Amino acid sequence: MRILVIDDRHENRASAEELKAQHDVTIVGSTVEAAKQIASGQYDVVLTDLFMPADKTPAFEGATFSYPFGKEQGTLVNFSKSWVGQDLPVGFSFAIRATLEGAKYVAIVTRDNHHGDPISAQLDWFGRGREFGKPSRRMDLNGSIFMIIRALPRIRDSKILDDKDWAAALEDLLTDP
């Protein structure tokens, strides 16, 4: 299974490396690289962080995107200079784009706290996740299975690590309830 993992935090990208033991995994940490990989349309699964800092260069610049009605080229995301470096909820755009590019399974995987941000608070509408014993809701989006998953941190040697448990998120996404 071809999997794309998108996350700006080093700890989360490092924990995603563990997926490589069982899957063909590409891991990226910038919005520009994420956009290029999604546009390639070569992934069965896309797991993306919710918030990432805007890059200094336009995402999608010069990429070719497939649409049901043909091909189109151009810059689809161009961050204002005032947004560069700020965390933006690009995970929504990446997830929707991945469904349009043919990924069969797509999830926004976040550890953001619903008390700290109004966008994160709205995610409670889609399920609170494993930590509350309530699975996130599976949705159909453009023919793909789509979920918003509140990721738990990994636990190793009885220690809680400061990263995402990508394997648990992938299991939630692929398991039909």
N, C-alpha and C. Protein backbone atom coordinates (compact mmCIF):
# COMPACT_ATOMS: atom_id res chain seq x y z
N MET A 1 0.85 -1.18 0.00
CA MET A 1 0.00 0.00 0.00
C MET A 1 0.89 1.24 0.00
N ARG A 2 0.63 2.18 -0.90
CA ARG A 2 1.40 3.43 -0.99
C ARG A 2 0.77 4.46 -0.07
N ILE A 3 1.57 4.96 0.89
CA ILE A 3 1.07 5.89 1.90
C ILE A 3 1.89 7.17 1.87
N LEU A 4 1.21 8.31 1.91
CA LEU A 4 1.85 9.61 2.05
C LEU A 4 1.52 10.14 3.44
N VAL A 5 2.55 10.50 4.21
CA VAL A 5 2.39 11.11 5.52
C VAL A 5 2.91 12.54 5.44
N ILE A 6 2.09 13.50 5.88
CA ILE A 6 2.43 14.92 5.82
C ILE A 6 2.40 15.48 7.23
N ASP A 7 3.55 15.97 7.71
CA ASP A 7 3.60 16.58 9.04
C ASP A 7 4.86 17.43 9.13
N ASP A 8 4.74 18.62 9.71
CA ASP A 8 5.88 19.52 9.80
C ASP A 8 6.78 19.22 11.01
N ARG A 9 6.28 18.53 12.02
CA ARG A 9 7.07 18.26 13.22
C ARG A 9 7.99 17.06 13.02
N HIS A 10 9.26 17.26 13.35
CA HIS A 10 10.27 16.21 13.20
C HIS A 10 9.87 14.94 13.96
N GLU A 11 9.38 15.09 15.19
CA GLU A 11 9.02 13.93 16.02
C GLU A 11 7.94 13.09 15.33
N ASN A 12 6.98 13.75 14.71
CA ASN A 12 5.90 13.04 14.04
C ASN A 12 6.37 12.36 12.76
N ARG A 13 7.26 13.02 12.03
CA ARG A 13 7.82 12.38 10.83
C ARG A 13 8.66 11.17 11.23
N ALA A 14 9.41 11.29 12.31
CA ALA A 14 10.24 10.16 12.77
C ALA A 14 9.37 8.98 13.18
N SER A 15 8.26 9.24 13.87
CA SER A 15 7.39 8.13 14.28
C SER A 15 6.69 7.49 13.08
N ALA A 16 6.48 8.24 12.02
CA ALA A 16 5.87 7.68 10.81
C ALA A 16 6.80 6.70 10.11
N GLU A 17 8.09 6.80 10.37
CA GLU A 17 9.08 5.87 9.78
C GLU A 17 8.73 4.42 10.10
N GLU A 18 8.08 4.18 11.24
CA GLU A 18 7.74 2.82 11.64
C GLU A 18 6.75 2.17 10.68
N LEU A 19 5.99 2.96 9.95
CA LEU A 19 5.06 2.41 8.97
C LEU A 19 5.78 1.75 7.81
N LYS A 20 7.04 2.14 7.59
CA LYS A 20 7.80 1.62 6.46
C LYS A 20 8.08 0.13 6.56
N ALA A 21 7.95 -0.43 7.74
CA ALA A 21 8.18 -1.87 7.90
C ALA A 21 7.13 -2.69 7.16
N GLN A 22 5.94 -2.13 6.98
CA GLN A 22 4.85 -2.88 6.34
C GLN A 22 4.28 -2.23 5.09
N HIS A 23 4.67 -0.99 4.80
CA HIS A 23 4.07 -0.28 3.68
C HIS A 23 5.13 0.53 2.92
N ASP A 24 4.77 0.95 1.72
CA ASP A 24 5.60 1.85 0.92
C ASP A 24 5.19 3.27 1.32
N VAL A 25 6.03 3.93 2.14
CA VAL A 25 5.66 5.20 2.77
C VAL A 25 6.56 6.33 2.30
N THR A 26 5.95 7.46 1.95
CA THR A 26 6.66 8.70 1.66
C THR A 26 6.28 9.68 2.76
N ILE A 27 7.27 10.33 3.35
CA ILE A 27 7.04 11.26 4.46
C ILE A 27 7.56 12.63 4.05
N VAL A 28 6.70 13.65 4.15
CA VAL A 28 7.12 15.01 3.80
C VAL A 28 6.76 15.97 4.93
N GLY A 29 7.51 17.09 4.98
CA GLY A 29 7.33 18.03 6.07
C GLY A 29 7.06 19.47 5.68
N SER A 30 6.83 19.71 4.40
CA SER A 30 6.54 21.09 3.98
C SER A 30 5.28 21.12 3.14
N THR A 31 4.63 22.27 3.10
CA THR A 31 3.40 22.39 2.31
C THR A 31 3.70 22.26 0.82
N VAL A 32 4.84 22.76 0.38
CA VAL A 32 5.19 22.67 -1.04
C VAL A 32 5.39 21.21 -1.45
N GLU A 33 6.17 20.48 -0.67
CA GLU A 33 6.42 19.07 -1.01
C GLU A 33 5.13 18.26 -0.89
N ALA A 34 4.32 18.56 0.10
CA ALA A 34 3.04 17.86 0.25
C ALA A 34 2.16 18.05 -0.98
N ALA A 35 2.07 19.29 -1.44
CA ALA A 35 1.25 19.58 -2.61
C ALA A 35 1.74 18.83 -3.84
N LYS A 36 3.05 18.79 -4.02
CA LYS A 36 3.61 18.07 -5.18
C LYS A 36 3.30 16.58 -5.10
N GLN A 37 3.47 16.00 -3.93
CA GLN A 37 3.21 14.57 -3.78
C GLN A 37 1.74 14.24 -3.98
N ILE A 38 0.86 15.04 -3.41
CA ILE A 38 -0.58 14.81 -3.59
C ILE A 38 -0.95 14.90 -5.06
N ALA A 39 -0.43 15.90 -5.76
CA ALA A 39 -0.74 16.11 -7.17
C ALA A 39 -0.29 14.95 -8.04
N SER A 40 0.68 14.16 -7.55
CA SER A 40 1.16 13.02 -8.34
C SER A 40 0.10 11.93 -8.46
N GLY A 41 -0.86 11.90 -7.53
CA GLY A 41 -1.94 10.93 -7.60
C GLY A 41 -1.52 9.48 -7.42
N GLN A 42 -0.38 9.25 -6.80
CA GLN A 42 0.15 7.89 -6.71
C GLN A 42 -0.06 7.19 -5.36
N TYR A 43 -0.88 7.76 -4.48
CA TYR A 43 -1.02 7.20 -3.13
C TYR A 43 -2.40 6.59 -2.91
N ASP A 44 -2.40 5.45 -2.21
CA ASP A 44 -3.64 4.80 -1.78
C ASP A 44 -4.17 5.46 -0.52
N VAL A 45 -3.24 5.91 0.34
CA VAL A 45 -3.58 6.50 1.63
C VAL A 45 -2.82 7.81 1.79
N VAL A 46 -3.52 8.85 2.26
CA VAL A 46 -2.86 10.11 2.62
C VAL A 46 -3.26 10.44 4.05
N LEU A 47 -2.25 10.60 4.90
CA LEU A 47 -2.42 10.99 6.30
C LEU A 47 -1.76 12.35 6.46
N THR A 48 -2.54 13.37 6.80
CA THR A 48 -1.98 14.71 6.89
C THR A 48 -2.24 15.36 8.24
N ASP A 49 -1.29 16.14 8.68
CA ASP A 49 -1.45 16.97 9.86
C ASP A 49 -2.50 18.03 9.54
N LEU A 50 -3.10 18.60 10.57
CA LEU A 50 -4.08 19.66 10.36
C LEU A 50 -3.40 21.00 10.13
N PHE A 51 -2.55 21.41 11.07
CA PHE A 51 -1.89 22.71 10.99
C PHE A 51 -0.44 22.55 10.56
N MET A 52 -0.02 23.37 9.60
CA MET A 52 1.38 23.41 9.17
C MET A 52 1.73 24.85 8.84
N PRO A 53 3.00 25.22 9.03
CA PRO A 53 3.40 26.59 8.68
C PRO A 53 3.43 26.79 7.17
N ALA A 54 2.97 27.94 6.74
CA ALA A 54 3.00 28.28 5.33
C ALA A 54 4.44 28.44 4.87
N ASP A 55 4.76 27.88 3.71
CA ASP A 55 6.10 27.97 3.15
C ASP A 55 6.31 29.30 2.45
N LYS A 56 7.57 29.61 2.17
CA LYS A 56 7.92 30.86 1.51
C LYS A 56 7.60 30.86 0.02
N THR A 57 7.44 29.68 -0.55
CA THR A 57 7.14 29.60 -1.98
C THR A 57 5.73 29.07 -2.17
N PRO A 58 5.10 29.40 -3.28
CA PRO A 58 3.73 28.94 -3.51
C PRO A 58 3.65 27.42 -3.61
N ALA A 59 2.71 26.84 -2.94
CA ALA A 59 2.46 25.41 -3.09
C ALA A 59 1.76 25.18 -4.43
N PHE A 60 2.01 24.05 -5.02
CA PHE A 60 1.41 23.64 -6.29
C PHE A 60 1.97 24.38 -7.52
N GLU A 61 2.94 25.24 -7.37
CA GLU A 61 3.39 26.04 -8.50
C GLU A 61 3.88 25.17 -9.64
N GLY A 62 3.29 25.34 -10.79
CA GLY A 62 3.71 24.63 -11.99
C GLY A 62 3.28 23.17 -12.03
N ALA A 63 2.58 22.68 -11.02
CA ALA A 63 2.16 21.28 -11.00
C ALA A 63 0.99 21.08 -11.96
N THR A 64 0.84 19.86 -12.42
CA THR A 64 -0.30 19.50 -13.26
C THR A 64 -1.28 18.71 -12.41
N PHE A 65 -2.53 19.09 -12.44
CA PHE A 65 -3.54 18.45 -11.62
C PHE A 65 -4.57 17.78 -12.51
N SER A 66 -5.03 16.62 -12.11
CA SER A 66 -6.06 15.94 -12.91
C SER A 66 -7.43 16.28 -12.37
N TYR A 67 -8.32 16.53 -13.25
CA TYR A 67 -9.72 16.80 -12.95
C TYR A 67 -10.54 15.86 -13.82
N PRO A 68 -11.78 15.60 -13.44
CA PRO A 68 -12.61 14.75 -14.29
C PRO A 68 -12.75 15.31 -15.71
N PHE A 69 -12.61 16.61 -15.87
CA PHE A 69 -12.80 17.22 -17.18
C PHE A 69 -11.50 17.55 -17.90
N GLY A 70 -10.36 17.06 -17.43
CA GLY A 70 -9.11 17.29 -18.16
C GLY A 70 -7.97 17.72 -17.27
N LYS A 71 -7.02 18.43 -17.85
CA LYS A 71 -5.82 18.86 -17.13
C LYS A 71 -5.80 20.37 -17.01
N GLU A 72 -5.19 20.83 -15.92
CA GLU A 72 -5.10 22.26 -15.68
C GLU A 72 -3.76 22.53 -15.01
N GLN A 73 -3.10 23.61 -15.36
CA GLN A 73 -1.84 23.96 -14.73
C GLN A 73 -1.97 25.30 -14.05
N GLY A 74 -1.14 25.49 -13.01
CA GLY A 74 -1.12 26.80 -12.39
C GLY A 74 -0.87 26.76 -10.91
N THR A 75 -0.79 27.91 -10.32
CA THR A 75 -0.59 28.05 -8.90
C THR A 75 -1.95 28.07 -8.23
N LEU A 76 -2.22 27.04 -7.42
CA LEU A 76 -3.52 26.97 -6.76
C LEU A 76 -3.47 27.48 -5.33
N VAL A 77 -2.30 27.47 -4.72
CA VAL A 77 -2.17 27.98 -3.36
C VAL A 77 -0.99 28.94 -3.36
N ASN A 78 -1.22 30.18 -3.01
CA ASN A 78 -0.14 31.16 -2.94
C ASN A 78 -0.32 31.92 -1.64
N PHE A 79 0.55 31.65 -0.68
CA PHE A 79 0.41 32.25 0.63
C PHE A 79 0.88 33.70 0.63
N SER A 80 0.09 34.57 1.21
CA SER A 80 0.48 35.96 1.38
C SER A 80 1.76 36.00 2.22
N LYS A 81 2.63 36.97 1.94
CA LYS A 81 3.88 37.08 2.71
C LYS A 81 3.62 37.20 4.20
N SER A 82 2.50 37.79 4.59
CA SER A 82 2.21 37.94 6.01
C SER A 82 1.87 36.61 6.67
N TRP A 83 1.55 35.57 5.88
CA TRP A 83 1.20 34.27 6.44
C TRP A 83 2.39 33.33 6.54
N VAL A 84 3.49 33.64 5.86
CA VAL A 84 4.64 32.74 5.84
C VAL A 84 5.11 32.47 7.26
N GLY A 85 5.26 31.19 7.57
CA GLY A 85 5.71 30.78 8.88
C GLY A 85 4.59 30.57 9.89
N GLN A 86 3.41 31.06 9.59
CA GLN A 86 2.28 30.88 10.50
C GLN A 86 1.63 29.52 10.27
N ASP A 87 1.17 28.90 11.37
CA ASP A 87 0.43 27.65 11.24
C ASP A 87 -0.94 27.93 10.66
N LEU A 88 -1.23 27.26 9.56
CA LEU A 88 -2.51 27.40 8.88
C LEU A 88 -3.16 26.01 8.79
N PRO A 89 -4.48 25.92 8.76
CA PRO A 89 -5.16 24.62 8.69
C PRO A 89 -5.15 24.03 7.28
N VAL A 90 -3.97 23.83 6.73
CA VAL A 90 -3.82 23.33 5.36
C VAL A 90 -4.22 21.86 5.23
N GLY A 91 -4.33 21.16 6.35
CA GLY A 91 -4.72 19.75 6.29
C GLY A 91 -6.06 19.55 5.60
N PHE A 92 -6.97 20.50 5.77
CA PHE A 92 -8.27 20.39 5.10
C PHE A 92 -8.08 20.40 3.57
N SER A 93 -7.30 21.35 3.09
CA SER A 93 -7.06 21.44 1.64
C SER A 93 -6.32 20.22 1.12
N PHE A 94 -5.32 19.77 1.86
CA PHE A 94 -4.56 18.59 1.42
C PHE A 94 -5.47 17.36 1.37
N ALA A 95 -6.32 17.19 2.37
CA ALA A 95 -7.19 16.02 2.41
C ALA A 95 -8.18 16.03 1.25
N ILE A 96 -8.82 17.16 1.02
CA ILE A 96 -9.79 17.24 -0.07
C ILE A 96 -9.10 17.02 -1.41
N ARG A 97 -7.95 17.64 -1.59
CA ARG A 97 -7.20 17.47 -2.84
C ARG A 97 -6.81 16.01 -3.06
N ALA A 98 -6.40 15.33 -1.97
CA ALA A 98 -6.00 13.92 -2.09
C ALA A 98 -7.17 13.06 -2.56
N THR A 99 -8.39 13.38 -2.10
CA THR A 99 -9.54 12.60 -2.57
C THR A 99 -9.78 12.84 -4.06
N LEU A 100 -9.55 14.07 -4.51
CA LEU A 100 -9.72 14.37 -5.94
C LEU A 100 -8.65 13.71 -6.79
N GLU A 101 -7.49 13.44 -6.20
CA GLU A 101 -6.39 12.80 -6.93
C GLU A 101 -6.44 11.29 -6.85
N GLY A 102 -7.49 10.73 -6.23
CA GLY A 102 -7.69 9.28 -6.28
C GLY A 102 -7.25 8.48 -5.07
N ALA A 103 -6.79 9.13 -3.99
CA ALA A 103 -6.44 8.36 -2.80
C ALA A 103 -7.70 7.69 -2.27
N LYS A 104 -7.62 6.40 -1.96
CA LYS A 104 -8.79 5.66 -1.49
C LYS A 104 -9.12 5.95 -0.03
N TYR A 105 -8.09 6.24 0.76
CA TYR A 105 -8.24 6.51 2.18
C TYR A 105 -7.50 7.79 2.52
N VAL A 106 -8.18 8.71 3.20
CA VAL A 106 -7.57 10.00 3.54
C VAL A 106 -7.98 10.37 4.97
N ALA A 107 -7.00 10.84 5.74
CA ALA A 107 -7.32 11.28 7.10
C ALA A 107 -6.50 12.49 7.48
N ILE A 108 -7.15 13.40 8.19
CA ILE A 108 -6.45 14.47 8.89
C ILE A 108 -6.16 13.90 10.27
N VAL A 109 -4.90 13.85 10.64
CA VAL A 109 -4.47 13.25 11.91
C VAL A 109 -3.87 14.36 12.76
N THR A 110 -4.54 14.69 13.86
CA THR A 110 -4.11 15.83 14.66
C THR A 110 -4.04 15.48 16.14
N ARG A 111 -3.17 16.17 16.84
CA ARG A 111 -3.12 16.08 18.29
C ARG A 111 -3.50 17.42 18.91
N ASP A 112 -4.03 18.32 18.10
CA ASP A 112 -4.42 19.63 18.60
C ASP A 112 -5.56 19.51 19.59
N ASN A 113 -5.51 20.32 20.61
CA ASN A 113 -6.50 20.29 21.69
C ASN A 113 -7.68 21.17 21.33
N HIS A 114 -8.89 20.64 21.54
CA HIS A 114 -10.08 21.40 21.18
C HIS A 114 -10.29 22.62 22.09
N HIS A 115 -9.55 22.72 23.19
CA HIS A 115 -9.67 23.89 24.06
C HIS A 115 -8.77 25.04 23.59
N GLY A 116 -7.82 24.74 22.71
CA GLY A 116 -6.84 25.74 22.34
C GLY A 116 -7.06 26.45 21.03
N ASP A 117 -8.04 26.01 20.25
CA ASP A 117 -8.18 26.58 18.92
C ASP A 117 -9.62 26.36 18.43
N PRO A 118 -10.26 27.38 17.87
CA PRO A 118 -11.64 27.21 17.42
C PRO A 118 -11.80 26.20 16.29
N ILE A 119 -10.79 26.08 15.43
CA ILE A 119 -10.88 25.09 14.35
C ILE A 119 -10.81 23.69 14.94
N SER A 120 -9.87 23.47 15.86
CA SER A 120 -9.76 22.17 16.51
C SER A 120 -11.03 21.82 17.29
N ALA A 121 -11.65 22.81 17.91
CA ALA A 121 -12.88 22.57 18.67
C ALA A 121 -13.99 22.04 17.76
N GLN A 122 -14.05 22.51 16.53
CA GLN A 122 -15.08 22.06 15.61
C GLN A 122 -14.91 20.59 15.21
N LEU A 123 -13.70 20.07 15.38
CA LEU A 123 -13.45 18.68 15.00
C LEU A 123 -14.21 17.70 15.89
N ASP A 124 -14.64 18.14 17.06
CA ASP A 124 -15.41 17.26 17.95
C ASP A 124 -16.71 16.79 17.28
N TRP A 125 -17.21 17.54 16.32
CA TRP A 125 -18.41 17.13 15.59
C TRP A 125 -18.21 15.79 14.87
N PHE A 126 -16.95 15.46 14.55
CA PHE A 126 -16.64 14.28 13.76
C PHE A 126 -16.20 13.10 14.61
N GLY A 127 -16.27 13.22 15.92
CA GLY A 127 -15.86 12.15 16.82
C GLY A 127 -14.68 12.61 17.67
N ARG A 128 -14.62 12.11 18.86
CA ARG A 128 -13.58 12.53 19.80
C ARG A 128 -12.35 11.63 19.74
N GLY A 129 -12.46 10.44 19.16
CA GLY A 129 -11.30 9.57 18.99
C GLY A 129 -11.11 8.55 20.10
N ARG A 130 -10.07 7.75 19.94
CA ARG A 130 -9.79 6.64 20.85
C ARG A 130 -9.70 7.05 22.31
N GLU A 131 -9.11 8.22 22.57
CA GLU A 131 -8.90 8.61 23.97
C GLU A 131 -10.21 8.75 24.74
N PHE A 132 -11.31 8.96 24.05
CA PHE A 132 -12.62 9.08 24.69
C PHE A 132 -13.48 7.86 24.44
N GLY A 133 -12.92 6.83 23.83
CA GLY A 133 -13.65 5.61 23.57
C GLY A 133 -14.70 5.73 22.47
N LYS A 134 -14.64 6.83 21.73
CA LYS A 134 -15.59 7.03 20.63
C LYS A 134 -14.80 7.19 19.34
N PRO A 135 -14.95 6.26 18.43
CA PRO A 135 -14.17 6.36 17.19
C PRO A 135 -14.57 7.59 16.37
N SER A 136 -13.63 8.06 15.62
CA SER A 136 -13.93 9.14 14.68
C SER A 136 -14.87 8.60 13.62
N ARG A 137 -15.63 9.47 13.01
CA ARG A 137 -16.59 9.05 12.00
C ARG A 137 -15.92 8.88 10.65
N ARG A 138 -16.28 7.81 9.98
CA ARG A 138 -15.83 7.58 8.60
C ARG A 138 -16.84 8.26 7.68
N MET A 139 -16.33 8.97 6.70
CA MET A 139 -17.19 9.68 5.76
C MET A 139 -16.78 9.35 4.33
N ASP A 140 -17.69 9.48 3.42
CA ASP A 140 -17.38 9.35 2.00
C ASP A 140 -17.14 10.76 1.48
N LEU A 141 -15.99 10.97 0.90
CA LEU A 141 -15.66 12.27 0.32
C LEU A 141 -15.07 12.03 -1.07
N ASN A 142 -15.81 12.38 -2.09
CA ASN A 142 -15.38 12.19 -3.48
C ASN A 142 -15.03 10.73 -3.77
N GLY A 143 -15.75 9.80 -3.14
CA GLY A 143 -15.51 8.38 -3.36
C GLY A 143 -14.40 7.78 -2.51
N SER A 144 -13.79 8.59 -1.66
CA SER A 144 -12.74 8.12 -0.75
C SER A 144 -13.31 7.97 0.66
N ILE A 145 -12.70 7.10 1.44
CA ILE A 145 -13.01 7.03 2.87
C ILE A 145 -12.20 8.14 3.52
N PHE A 146 -12.89 9.01 4.27
CA PHE A 146 -12.25 10.18 4.88
C PHE A 146 -12.55 10.20 6.37
N MET A 147 -11.54 10.51 7.16
CA MET A 147 -11.71 10.64 8.61
C MET A 147 -10.90 11.81 9.14
N ILE A 148 -11.37 12.36 10.24
CA ILE A 148 -10.57 13.30 11.02
C ILE A 148 -10.27 12.58 12.32
N ILE A 149 -8.99 12.34 12.58
CA ILE A 149 -8.58 11.49 13.70
C ILE A 149 -7.79 12.31 14.70
N ARG A 150 -8.21 12.25 15.94
CA ARG A 150 -7.42 12.83 17.03
C ARG A 150 -6.43 11.75 17.45
N ALA A 151 -5.19 11.96 17.11
CA ALA A 151 -4.15 10.95 17.34
C ALA A 151 -3.73 10.90 18.80
N LEU A 152 -3.49 9.70 19.26
CA LEU A 152 -2.89 9.51 20.57
C LEU A 152 -1.38 9.52 20.42
N PRO A 153 -0.66 9.91 21.48
CA PRO A 153 0.79 9.78 21.41
C PRO A 153 1.17 8.30 21.52
N ARG A 154 2.33 7.96 21.01
CA ARG A 154 2.81 6.59 21.15
C ARG A 154 3.31 6.39 22.58
N ILE A 155 3.27 5.14 23.03
CA ILE A 155 3.80 4.79 24.34
C ILE A 155 4.89 3.75 24.14
N ARG A 156 6.05 4.00 24.73
CA ARG A 156 7.16 3.06 24.62
C ARG A 156 7.82 2.95 25.99
N ASP A 157 8.01 1.72 26.46
CA ASP A 157 8.62 1.48 27.77
C ASP A 157 7.90 2.27 28.86
N SER A 158 6.59 2.25 28.83
CA SER A 158 5.73 2.93 29.81
C SER A 158 5.88 4.45 29.80
N LYS A 159 6.51 4.99 28.77
CA LYS A 159 6.64 6.44 28.64
C LYS A 159 5.77 6.94 27.51
N ILE A 160 5.11 8.07 27.75
CA ILE A 160 4.32 8.70 26.71
C ILE A 160 5.25 9.57 25.88
N LEU A 161 5.32 9.29 24.60
CA LEU A 161 6.19 10.04 23.69
C LEU A 161 5.43 11.23 23.12
N ASP A 162 6.17 12.26 22.76
CA ASP A 162 5.55 13.47 22.21
C ASP A 162 5.49 13.40 20.69
N ASP A 163 4.74 12.43 20.20
CA ASP A 163 4.55 12.28 18.76
C ASP A 163 3.22 11.60 18.49
N LYS A 164 2.94 11.35 17.22
CA LYS A 164 1.67 10.74 16.84
C LYS A 164 1.83 9.24 16.65
N ASP A 165 0.78 8.52 17.00
CA ASP A 165 0.74 7.08 16.74
C ASP A 165 0.10 6.88 15.37
N TRP A 166 0.94 6.94 14.33
CA TRP A 166 0.45 6.83 12.95
C TRP A 166 -0.14 5.45 12.68
N ALA A 167 0.44 4.42 13.28
CA ALA A 167 -0.07 3.06 13.06
C ALA A 167 -1.50 2.94 13.56
N ALA A 168 -1.79 3.50 14.72
CA ALA A 168 -3.17 3.47 15.26
C ALA A 168 -4.10 4.27 14.36
N ALA A 169 -3.64 5.42 13.88
CA ALA A 169 -4.47 6.23 12.98
C ALA A 169 -4.76 5.48 11.69
N LEU A 170 -3.73 4.82 11.14
CA LEU A 170 -3.93 4.03 9.91
C LEU A 170 -4.89 2.88 10.15
N GLU A 171 -4.77 2.22 11.29
CA GLU A 171 -5.69 1.13 11.62
C GLU A 171 -7.13 1.64 11.72
N ASP A 172 -7.32 2.78 12.36
CA ASP A 172 -8.67 3.35 12.46
C ASP A 172 -9.24 3.65 11.07
N LEU A 173 -8.40 4.18 10.19
CA LEU A 173 -8.84 4.56 8.86
C LEU A 173 -9.20 3.34 8.01
N LEU A 174 -8.42 2.29 8.12
CA LEU A 174 -8.61 1.11 7.27
C LEU A 174 -9.62 0.12 7.81
N THR A 175 -9.97 0.22 9.10
CA THR A 175 -10.88 -0.75 9.72
C THR A 175 -12.32 -0.31 9.55
N ASP A 176 -13.09 -1.16 8.90
CA ASP A 176 -14.51 -0.88 8.72
C ASP A 176 -15.24 -1.21 10.02
N PRO A 177 -15.94 -0.23 10.59
CA PRO A 177 -16.58 -0.49 11.90
C PRO A 177 -17.69 -1.54 11.83
